Amino acid sequence: VGLLLLRHLLVTEEGRGAGEYTGKLLLLFGAPRRWYAPGQRIAVKGAVTHAGKISFEVQASADGTRLDAEILMPPDTDCPAVKIRLRHPDGKRIRTVLVNDKPHAGFDPGDDLVEVIKPVGTLRIRALF
């Protein structure tokens, strides 16, 4: 039970109910704020999902002003979207998001969520607080 709970804190899939899935990946949905403390790193390697094996890492800056995430998606995935929860340890809201060095509007500061539609390859996400 402990490993299953940990997996769902880190990687899960959006459900429609009764064992049906939308195909969207949900990353770090259950991660507590303290995991994002300045200088901390969260990493998952080779997680098996409906979208294929994925890996990701989130690094909190030493000054607490940003979170940098890198998500490695399979090149042949048909995943419709990935949502990653990027939380500031003090509850500050996300102000700006960059995906692969380009401004990205697909984020909800109220839920600490960044969504990338049709993710393929390497995604580099920077959330600024």
N, C-alpha and C. Protein backbone atom coordinates (compact mmCIF):
# COMPACT_ATOMS: atom_id res chain seq x y z
N VAL A 1 0.83 -1.20 0.00
CA VAL A 1 0.00 0.00 0.00
C VAL A 1 0.87 1.25 0.00
N GLY A 2 1.97 1.27 0.72
CA GLY A 2 2.84 2.44 0.81
C GLY A 2 3.42 2.86 -0.52
N LEU A 3 3.89 1.89 -1.32
CA LEU A 3 4.46 2.22 -2.63
C LEU A 3 3.40 2.73 -3.59
N LEU A 4 2.20 2.17 -3.53
CA LEU A 4 1.12 2.63 -4.39
C LEU A 4 0.74 4.07 -4.05
N LEU A 5 0.68 4.38 -2.77
CA LEU A 5 0.38 5.75 -2.35
C LEU A 5 1.46 6.70 -2.84
N LEU A 6 2.72 6.33 -2.67
CA LEU A 6 3.83 7.17 -3.14
C LEU A 6 3.74 7.40 -4.64
N ARG A 7 3.44 6.34 -5.39
CA ARG A 7 3.31 6.49 -6.85
C ARG A 7 2.23 7.51 -7.18
N HIS A 8 1.08 7.45 -6.49
CA HIS A 8 -0.01 8.39 -6.78
C HIS A 8 0.32 9.82 -6.34
N LEU A 9 1.20 9.99 -5.40
CA LEU A 9 1.67 11.34 -5.06
C LEU A 9 2.50 11.92 -6.21
N LEU A 10 3.23 11.04 -6.90
CA LEU A 10 4.17 11.46 -7.93
C LEU A 10 3.61 11.40 -9.35
N VAL A 11 3.00 10.27 -9.71
CA VAL A 11 2.52 10.04 -11.08
C VAL A 11 1.18 9.32 -11.02
N THR A 12 0.20 9.89 -11.67
CA THR A 12 -1.08 9.21 -11.80
C THR A 12 -1.68 9.62 -13.14
N GLU A 13 -2.84 9.06 -13.43
CA GLU A 13 -3.50 9.36 -14.69
C GLU A 13 -4.92 9.83 -14.42
N GLU A 14 -5.35 10.83 -15.17
CA GLU A 14 -6.67 11.41 -14.96
C GLU A 14 -7.75 10.39 -15.33
N GLY A 15 -8.67 10.19 -14.42
CA GLY A 15 -9.72 9.21 -14.64
C GLY A 15 -11.06 9.83 -14.99
N ARG A 16 -11.83 9.05 -15.71
CA ARG A 16 -13.22 9.41 -16.00
C ARG A 16 -14.14 8.71 -15.02
N GLY A 17 -13.60 7.74 -14.30
CA GLY A 17 -14.39 6.94 -13.38
C GLY A 17 -14.45 5.50 -13.84
N ALA A 18 -14.68 4.59 -12.92
CA ALA A 18 -14.84 3.16 -13.19
C ALA A 18 -13.71 2.59 -14.05
N GLY A 19 -12.46 2.98 -13.75
CA GLY A 19 -11.30 2.41 -14.45
C GLY A 19 -11.04 2.97 -15.83
N GLU A 20 -11.77 4.00 -16.24
CA GLU A 20 -11.54 4.63 -17.53
C GLU A 20 -10.65 5.86 -17.34
N TYR A 21 -9.75 6.09 -18.30
CA TYR A 21 -8.81 7.19 -18.20
C TYR A 21 -8.95 8.13 -19.38
N THR A 22 -8.68 9.42 -19.13
CA THR A 22 -8.70 10.41 -20.21
C THR A 22 -7.42 10.35 -21.04
N GLY A 23 -6.38 9.75 -20.47
CA GLY A 23 -5.08 9.70 -21.13
C GLY A 23 -4.15 10.80 -20.65
N LYS A 24 -4.67 11.78 -19.90
CA LYS A 24 -3.83 12.86 -19.39
C LYS A 24 -3.01 12.37 -18.20
N LEU A 25 -1.74 12.74 -18.18
CA LEU A 25 -0.87 12.40 -17.05
C LEU A 25 -0.92 13.52 -16.02
N LEU A 26 -0.93 13.14 -14.76
CA LEU A 26 -0.95 14.07 -13.64
C LEU A 26 0.32 13.84 -12.83
N LEU A 27 1.19 14.83 -12.80
CA LEU A 27 2.47 14.70 -12.12
C LEU A 27 2.50 15.55 -10.86
N LEU A 28 2.96 14.97 -9.78
CA LEU A 28 3.14 15.62 -8.48
C LEU A 28 1.84 16.16 -7.89
N PHE A 29 0.71 15.53 -8.23
CA PHE A 29 -0.57 16.03 -7.74
C PHE A 29 -0.70 15.94 -6.23
N GLY A 30 -0.03 14.99 -5.61
CA GLY A 30 -0.11 14.85 -4.16
C GLY A 30 1.12 15.31 -3.41
N ALA A 31 2.06 15.92 -4.12
CA ALA A 31 3.32 16.32 -3.47
C ALA A 31 3.09 17.47 -2.49
N PRO A 32 3.53 17.32 -1.25
CA PRO A 32 3.37 18.41 -0.27
C PRO A 32 4.28 19.59 -0.58
N ARG A 33 3.89 20.76 -0.15
CA ARG A 33 4.66 21.99 -0.41
C ARG A 33 6.11 21.88 0.07
N ARG A 34 6.34 21.19 1.17
CA ARG A 34 7.70 21.12 1.70
C ARG A 34 8.67 20.45 0.73
N TRP A 35 8.18 19.62 -0.18
CA TRP A 35 9.05 18.98 -1.17
C TRP A 35 9.64 20.00 -2.14
N TYR A 36 9.04 21.18 -2.22
CA TYR A 36 9.49 22.22 -3.16
C TYR A 36 10.33 23.30 -2.46
N ALA A 37 10.82 23.03 -1.27
CA ALA A 37 11.63 24.00 -0.53
C ALA A 37 12.87 24.39 -1.33
N PRO A 38 13.39 25.61 -1.11
CA PRO A 38 14.57 26.06 -1.86
C PRO A 38 15.69 25.03 -1.84
N GLY A 39 16.23 24.77 -3.04
CA GLY A 39 17.34 23.84 -3.19
C GLY A 39 16.94 22.37 -3.31
N GLN A 40 15.66 22.05 -3.08
CA GLN A 40 15.21 20.66 -3.13
C GLN A 40 15.04 20.17 -4.56
N ARG A 41 15.12 18.86 -4.73
CA ARG A 41 14.96 18.22 -6.04
C ARG A 41 14.04 17.02 -5.89
N ILE A 42 13.13 16.87 -6.85
CA ILE A 42 12.24 15.72 -6.92
C ILE A 42 12.53 15.06 -8.26
N ALA A 43 12.73 13.75 -8.28
CA ALA A 43 13.04 13.07 -9.55
C ALA A 43 12.35 11.72 -9.60
N VAL A 44 11.83 11.40 -10.78
CA VAL A 44 11.21 10.11 -11.07
C VAL A 44 11.79 9.62 -12.39
N LYS A 45 12.26 8.39 -12.41
CA LYS A 45 12.88 7.83 -13.61
C LYS A 45 12.10 6.60 -14.08
N GLY A 46 11.71 6.58 -15.34
CA GLY A 46 11.12 5.41 -15.96
C GLY A 46 9.79 4.95 -15.39
N ALA A 47 8.91 5.89 -15.04
CA ALA A 47 7.59 5.52 -14.52
C ALA A 47 6.74 4.97 -15.66
N VAL A 48 6.13 3.83 -15.43
CA VAL A 48 5.28 3.20 -16.44
C VAL A 48 3.88 3.83 -16.35
N THR A 49 3.40 4.34 -17.49
CA THR A 49 2.08 4.96 -17.56
C THR A 49 1.38 4.49 -18.84
N HIS A 50 0.12 4.86 -19.00
CA HIS A 50 -0.60 4.56 -20.24
C HIS A 50 0.05 5.26 -21.43
N ALA A 51 0.78 6.34 -21.20
CA ALA A 51 1.45 7.09 -22.26
C ALA A 51 2.83 6.52 -22.58
N GLY A 52 3.25 5.50 -21.86
CA GLY A 52 4.59 4.95 -22.01
C GLY A 52 5.45 5.31 -20.80
N LYS A 53 6.72 4.95 -20.84
CA LYS A 53 7.63 5.27 -19.73
C LYS A 53 8.00 6.74 -19.79
N ILE A 54 7.88 7.40 -18.63
CA ILE A 54 8.25 8.81 -18.53
C ILE A 54 9.22 9.01 -17.37
N SER A 55 9.97 10.08 -17.48
CA SER A 55 10.85 10.51 -16.40
C SER A 55 10.67 12.00 -16.23
N PHE A 56 10.86 12.48 -15.01
CA PHE A 56 10.81 13.93 -14.80
C PHE A 56 11.61 14.30 -13.56
N GLU A 57 11.97 15.57 -13.53
CA GLU A 57 12.73 16.12 -12.41
C GLU A 57 12.27 17.56 -12.19
N VAL A 58 12.16 17.94 -10.93
CA VAL A 58 11.85 19.32 -10.57
C VAL A 58 12.93 19.79 -9.61
N GLN A 59 13.51 20.96 -9.89
CA GLN A 59 14.55 21.55 -9.05
C GLN A 59 14.08 22.92 -8.59
N ALA A 60 14.08 23.13 -7.28
CA ALA A 60 13.72 24.43 -6.72
C ALA A 60 14.98 25.29 -6.64
N SER A 61 14.87 26.54 -7.06
CA SER A 61 16.02 27.44 -6.98
C SER A 61 16.40 27.68 -5.52
N ALA A 62 17.65 28.02 -5.30
CA ALA A 62 18.15 28.25 -3.94
C ALA A 62 17.46 29.43 -3.27
N ASP A 63 17.02 30.42 -4.08
CA ASP A 63 16.38 31.61 -3.50
C ASP A 63 14.85 31.49 -3.45
N GLY A 64 14.28 30.38 -3.92
CA GLY A 64 12.84 30.16 -3.82
C GLY A 64 12.00 30.95 -4.81
N THR A 65 12.61 31.49 -5.85
CA THR A 65 11.86 32.32 -6.80
C THR A 65 11.36 31.55 -8.01
N ARG A 66 11.84 30.31 -8.21
CA ARG A 66 11.41 29.55 -9.39
C ARG A 66 11.54 28.05 -9.15
N LEU A 67 10.80 27.32 -9.98
CA LEU A 67 10.90 25.87 -10.06
C LEU A 67 11.19 25.53 -11.51
N ASP A 68 12.18 24.69 -11.73
CA ASP A 68 12.52 24.24 -13.07
C ASP A 68 12.21 22.75 -13.15
N ALA A 69 11.39 22.40 -14.14
CA ALA A 69 11.00 21.00 -14.34
C ALA A 69 11.45 20.56 -15.72
N GLU A 70 11.85 19.30 -15.81
CA GLU A 70 12.15 18.68 -17.09
C GLU A 70 11.39 17.36 -17.13
N ILE A 71 10.57 17.20 -18.17
CA ILE A 71 9.76 16.01 -18.35
C ILE A 71 10.20 15.35 -19.65
N LEU A 72 10.53 14.06 -19.58
CA LEU A 72 10.92 13.31 -20.77
C LEU A 72 9.76 12.39 -21.15
N MET A 73 9.12 12.72 -22.26
CA MET A 73 7.99 11.94 -22.77
C MET A 73 8.47 11.02 -23.88
N PRO A 74 7.82 9.86 -24.05
CA PRO A 74 8.19 8.99 -25.16
C PRO A 74 7.94 9.69 -26.50
N PRO A 75 8.79 9.46 -27.49
CA PRO A 75 8.61 10.14 -28.78
C PRO A 75 7.36 9.69 -29.53
N ASP A 76 6.85 8.52 -29.22
CA ASP A 76 5.69 7.98 -29.94
C ASP A 76 4.41 8.01 -29.11
N THR A 77 4.37 8.83 -28.07
CA THR A 77 3.21 8.86 -27.18
C THR A 77 2.00 9.51 -27.85
N ASP A 78 0.83 9.07 -27.45
CA ASP A 78 -0.39 9.72 -27.90
C ASP A 78 -1.09 10.41 -26.72
N CYS A 79 -0.32 10.76 -25.72
CA CYS A 79 -0.82 11.43 -24.52
C CYS A 79 -1.43 12.79 -24.92
N PRO A 80 -2.69 13.04 -24.57
CA PRO A 80 -3.31 14.31 -24.95
C PRO A 80 -2.78 15.51 -24.17
N ALA A 81 -2.34 15.28 -22.92
CA ALA A 81 -1.84 16.40 -22.11
C ALA A 81 -1.14 15.87 -20.87
N VAL A 82 -0.24 16.69 -20.36
CA VAL A 82 0.39 16.42 -19.07
C VAL A 82 0.14 17.64 -18.20
N LYS A 83 -0.25 17.37 -16.94
CA LYS A 83 -0.45 18.44 -15.96
C LYS A 83 0.53 18.19 -14.83
N ILE A 84 1.29 19.22 -14.47
CA ILE A 84 2.25 19.08 -13.38
C ILE A 84 1.94 20.15 -12.33
N ARG A 85 1.92 19.73 -11.09
CA ARG A 85 1.67 20.66 -9.98
C ARG A 85 3.01 21.19 -9.50
N LEU A 86 3.19 22.51 -9.62
CA LEU A 86 4.41 23.19 -9.19
C LEU A 86 4.03 24.17 -8.10
N ARG A 87 4.31 23.81 -6.86
CA ARG A 87 3.85 24.56 -5.70
C ARG A 87 4.99 25.30 -5.02
N HIS A 88 4.75 26.53 -4.66
CA HIS A 88 5.73 27.27 -3.86
C HIS A 88 5.56 26.84 -2.41
N PRO A 89 6.66 26.61 -1.69
CA PRO A 89 6.54 26.12 -0.31
C PRO A 89 5.82 27.09 0.63
N ASP A 90 5.82 28.39 0.29
CA ASP A 90 5.14 29.39 1.12
C ASP A 90 3.77 29.78 0.58
N GLY A 91 3.29 29.07 -0.44
CA GLY A 91 1.97 29.33 -0.97
C GLY A 91 1.89 30.47 -1.99
N LYS A 92 3.03 31.01 -2.43
CA LYS A 92 3.00 32.05 -3.45
C LYS A 92 2.43 31.49 -4.74
N ARG A 93 1.81 32.34 -5.53
CA ARG A 93 1.19 31.94 -6.79
C ARG A 93 2.19 32.03 -7.95
N ILE A 94 2.01 31.15 -8.92
CA ILE A 94 2.82 31.22 -10.14
C ILE A 94 2.45 32.51 -10.88
N ARG A 95 3.47 33.26 -11.29
CA ARG A 95 3.25 34.51 -12.04
C ARG A 95 3.46 34.30 -13.54
N THR A 96 4.50 33.52 -13.88
CA THR A 96 4.89 33.34 -15.27
C THR A 96 5.36 31.90 -15.47
N VAL A 97 5.07 31.35 -16.66
CA VAL A 97 5.54 30.01 -17.01
C VAL A 97 6.18 30.07 -18.40
N LEU A 98 7.32 29.41 -18.51
CA LEU A 98 7.98 29.20 -19.80
C LEU A 98 8.02 27.70 -20.06
N VAL A 99 7.74 27.31 -21.30
CA VAL A 99 7.89 25.92 -21.72
C VAL A 99 8.85 25.93 -22.90
N ASN A 100 9.95 25.23 -22.74
CA ASN A 100 11.02 25.21 -23.75
C ASN A 100 11.40 26.64 -24.16
N ASP A 101 11.57 27.49 -23.14
CA ASP A 101 12.02 28.88 -23.27
C ASP A 101 11.03 29.82 -23.94
N LYS A 102 9.76 29.41 -24.06
CA LYS A 102 8.74 30.27 -24.67
C LYS A 102 7.63 30.51 -23.65
N PRO A 103 7.08 31.74 -23.62
CA PRO A 103 5.96 32.02 -22.71
C PRO A 103 4.82 31.02 -22.92
N HIS A 104 4.23 30.60 -21.81
CA HIS A 104 3.19 29.58 -21.85
C HIS A 104 2.00 30.06 -21.03
N ALA A 105 0.83 30.09 -21.64
CA ALA A 105 -0.37 30.57 -20.96
C ALA A 105 -1.16 29.44 -20.28
N GLY A 106 -0.79 28.20 -20.50
CA GLY A 106 -1.54 27.07 -19.98
C GLY A 106 -1.21 26.75 -18.53
N PHE A 107 -1.51 27.68 -17.65
CA PHE A 107 -1.29 27.41 -16.23
C PHE A 107 -2.39 28.03 -15.40
N ASP A 108 -2.64 27.43 -14.24
CA ASP A 108 -3.65 27.90 -13.31
C ASP A 108 -2.97 28.20 -11.99
N PRO A 109 -2.73 29.49 -11.70
CA PRO A 109 -2.03 29.81 -10.45
C PRO A 109 -2.82 29.45 -9.20
N GLY A 110 -4.13 29.36 -9.30
CA GLY A 110 -4.94 28.99 -8.15
C GLY A 110 -4.76 27.53 -7.74
N ASP A 111 -4.46 26.68 -8.71
CA ASP A 111 -4.26 25.26 -8.44
C ASP A 111 -2.80 24.84 -8.54
N ASP A 112 -1.91 25.79 -8.80
CA ASP A 112 -0.47 25.50 -8.95
C ASP A 112 -0.21 24.53 -10.09
N LEU A 113 -1.02 24.57 -11.14
CA LEU A 113 -0.93 23.60 -12.23
C LEU A 113 -0.44 24.23 -13.53
N VAL A 114 0.43 23.48 -14.21
CA VAL A 114 0.86 23.82 -15.56
C VAL A 114 0.43 22.66 -16.44
N GLU A 115 -0.25 22.98 -17.55
CA GLU A 115 -0.71 21.95 -18.48
C GLU A 115 -0.06 22.17 -19.84
N VAL A 116 0.46 21.08 -20.40
CA VAL A 116 1.03 21.11 -21.73
C VAL A 116 0.22 20.13 -22.58
N ILE A 117 -0.34 20.65 -23.66
CA ILE A 117 -1.16 19.84 -24.56
C ILE A 117 -0.25 19.11 -25.56
N LYS A 118 -0.57 17.85 -25.83
CA LYS A 118 0.18 17.00 -26.77
C LYS A 118 1.69 17.01 -26.51
N PRO A 119 2.08 16.62 -25.30
CA PRO A 119 3.51 16.64 -24.94
C PRO A 119 4.28 15.51 -25.62
N VAL A 120 5.38 15.87 -26.24
CA VAL A 120 6.25 14.89 -26.90
C VAL A 120 7.69 15.31 -26.66
N GLY A 121 8.56 14.34 -26.45
CA GLY A 121 9.98 14.64 -26.29
C GLY A 121 10.28 15.26 -24.95
N THR A 122 11.21 16.20 -24.94
CA THR A 122 11.65 16.84 -23.70
C THR A 122 10.91 18.16 -23.50
N LEU A 123 10.29 18.31 -22.33
CA LEU A 123 9.63 19.55 -21.95
C LEU A 123 10.44 20.18 -20.84
N ARG A 124 10.85 21.41 -21.03
CA ARG A 124 11.53 22.17 -19.98
C ARG A 124 10.59 23.27 -19.53
N ILE A 125 10.15 23.16 -18.29
CA ILE A 125 9.16 24.09 -17.74
C ILE A 125 9.79 24.90 -16.64
N ARG A 126 9.62 26.20 -16.70
CA ARG A 126 10.09 27.10 -15.64
C ARG A 126 8.90 27.88 -15.11
N ALA A 127 8.64 27.75 -13.82
CA ALA A 127 7.59 28.50 -13.15
C ALA A 127 8.25 29.56 -12.28
N LEU A 128 7.85 30.81 -12.48
CA LEU A 128 8.38 31.93 -11.70
C LEU A 128 7.31 32.41 -10.73
N PHE A 129 7.73 32.71 -9.49
CA PHE A 129 6.82 33.13 -8.45
C PHE A 129 7.03 34.59 -8.08
